[in-house]
Amino acid sequence: MVQTFGTSQTGDIYLDSAGNLALLSGQSAVESAAQVASLMQLGEAIYQTNLGLPAFETVFSGVPNLAIYESYLRTTLMNVPGVVSVTSITAKVENNTFSYTAQIETVYGSLKVSG
């Protein structure tokens, strides 16, 4: 069974109603871990600065290279425990706003991750 800390929509861990670190398991754990992984920018991990997606290099400098970003996102999501496959990824830049949606298959069923 997949387990992880519960995270808010901004990727921050939080306390549950009893004042303990929130823990997630099963499908909600995979969904949360996939969401946090897809939001992590390259260099953000304090102890492993080689982790994360290179958004600044692929999306935010010059002409966006969304194909490379999608490739990194696919690899990142496939490394999340419980993810079986990534069935589709759509990334776009509209009105100077970057967004993505990924459909993933997990050991618990199908999920959508977006940001």
Protein backbone atom coordinates (compact mmCIF):
# COMPACT_ATOMS: atom_id res chain seq x y z
CA MET A 1 0.00 0.00 0.00
CA VAL A 2 1.29 3.45 -0.94
CA GLN A 3 1.53 5.95 1.94
CA THR A 4 2.67 9.57 2.13
CA PHE A 5 2.20 12.72 4.16
CA GLY A 6 -0.95 14.66 3.40
CA THR A 7 -0.31 17.87 1.50
CA SER A 8 -2.35 20.95 0.76
CA GLN A 9 -3.02 22.14 -2.79
CA THR A 10 0.20 24.16 -2.60
CA GLY A 11 2.22 21.06 -1.69
CA ASP A 12 2.69 21.88 2.00
CA ILE A 13 2.32 19.18 4.66
CA TYR A 14 -0.33 19.89 7.26
CA LEU A 15 -1.69 18.72 10.61
CA ASP A 16 -4.86 16.66 10.85
CA SER A 17 -7.74 17.39 13.25
CA ALA A 18 -5.88 15.61 16.09
CA GLY A 19 -2.79 17.79 15.61
CA ASN A 20 -0.69 15.06 13.98
CA LEU A 21 0.97 15.12 10.59
CA ALA A 22 -1.71 14.04 8.15
CA LEU A 23 -1.01 10.68 6.49
CA LEU A 24 -2.57 9.46 3.28
CA SER A 25 -2.72 5.94 1.91
CA GLY A 26 -3.95 4.19 -1.19
CA GLN A 27 -5.31 6.19 -4.11
CA SER A 28 -5.24 9.52 -2.27
CA ALA A 29 -1.54 8.97 -1.44
CA VAL A 30 -0.65 8.32 -5.08
CA GLU A 31 -2.66 11.33 -6.20
CA SER A 32 -1.00 13.61 -3.66
CA ALA A 33 2.50 12.30 -4.42
CA ALA A 34 1.93 12.75 -8.17
CA GLN A 35 0.64 16.29 -7.65
CA VAL A 36 3.60 17.27 -5.45
CA ALA A 37 6.09 15.67 -7.89
CA SER A 38 4.57 17.56 -10.82
CA LEU A 39 4.80 20.87 -8.95
CA MET A 40 8.43 20.49 -7.85
CA GLN A 41 10.78 22.70 -9.84
CA LEU A 42 14.33 21.62 -10.57
CA GLY A 43 16.59 22.59 -7.68
CA GLU A 44 13.82 22.97 -5.08
CA ALA A 45 14.66 19.81 -3.15
CA ILE A 46 17.08 21.00 -0.48
CA TYR A 47 19.06 17.77 -0.22
CA GLN A 48 18.66 16.56 -3.81
CA THR A 49 18.85 19.63 -6.02
CA ASN A 50 18.95 17.43 -9.13
CA LEU A 51 15.27 16.48 -8.60
CA GLY A 52 12.33 18.33 -10.08
CA LEU A 53 11.08 19.53 -13.44
CA PRO A 54 13.17 22.03 -15.43
CA ALA A 55 10.33 24.49 -16.05
CA PHE A 56 12.58 27.53 -16.25
CA GLU A 57 14.79 25.88 -18.86
CA THR A 58 11.95 24.42 -20.96
CA VAL A 59 8.97 26.74 -20.50
CA PHE A 60 9.96 30.13 -19.12
CA SER A 61 13.03 31.09 -21.14
CA GLY A 62 12.73 32.04 -24.79
CA VAL A 63 10.38 29.91 -26.86
CA PRO A 64 8.69 27.26 -24.67
CA ASN A 65 9.71 23.69 -25.49
CA LEU A 66 6.62 21.89 -24.23
CA ALA A 67 7.61 18.54 -25.74
CA ILE A 68 10.71 18.38 -23.53
CA TYR A 69 8.70 19.51 -20.49
CA GLU A 70 6.10 16.80 -21.18
CA SER A 71 8.90 14.23 -21.41
CA TYR A 72 10.29 15.29 -18.01
CA LEU A 73 6.79 15.29 -16.51
CA ARG A 74 6.12 11.77 -17.84
CA THR A 75 9.38 10.49 -16.32
CA THR A 76 8.68 12.25 -13.03
CA LEU A 77 5.18 10.79 -12.76
CA MET A 78 6.38 7.30 -13.65
CA ASN A 79 8.75 7.49 -10.66
CA VAL A 80 5.86 8.06 -8.22
CA PRO A 81 5.13 4.86 -6.26
CA GLY A 82 1.84 3.34 -7.40
CA VAL A 83 1.82 4.91 -10.89
CA VAL A 84 1.54 2.26 -13.59
CA SER A 85 1.43 4.45 -16.71
CA VAL A 86 0.93 7.98 -17.96
CA THR A 87 -1.79 7.84 -20.61
CA SER A 88 -1.74 11.47 -21.72
CA ILE A 89 -0.14 14.83 -21.01
CA THR A 90 -1.26 18.20 -22.30
CA ALA A 91 0.87 21.26 -21.64
CA LYS A 92 0.17 24.73 -22.99
CA VAL A 93 1.00 28.40 -22.62
CA GLU A 94 -1.95 30.77 -23.08
CA ASN A 95 -1.94 34.48 -22.25
CA ASN A 96 1.48 34.07 -20.57
CA THR A 97 0.11 31.35 -18.29
CA PHE A 98 1.55 27.83 -18.31
CA SER A 99 -0.71 24.89 -17.47
CA TYR A 100 -0.63 21.12 -17.78
CA THR A 101 -2.91 18.14 -17.32
CA ALA A 102 -1.76 14.54 -17.06
CA GLN A 103 -3.95 11.45 -17.02
CA ILE A 104 -2.28 8.61 -15.12
CA GLU A 105 -3.14 5.00 -14.40
CA THR A 106 -2.31 3.81 -10.90
CA VAL A 107 -2.58 0.53 -9.05
CA TYR A 108 -5.83 2.01 -7.66
CA GLY A 109 -7.35 3.30 -10.90
CA SER A 110 -7.23 6.34 -13.16
CA LEU A 111 -6.32 9.82 -11.89
CA LYS A 112 -5.87 13.31 -13.31
CA VAL A 113 -3.07 15.63 -12.18
CA SER A 114 -3.05 19.27 -13.24
CA GLY A 115 -1.51 22.59 -12.45
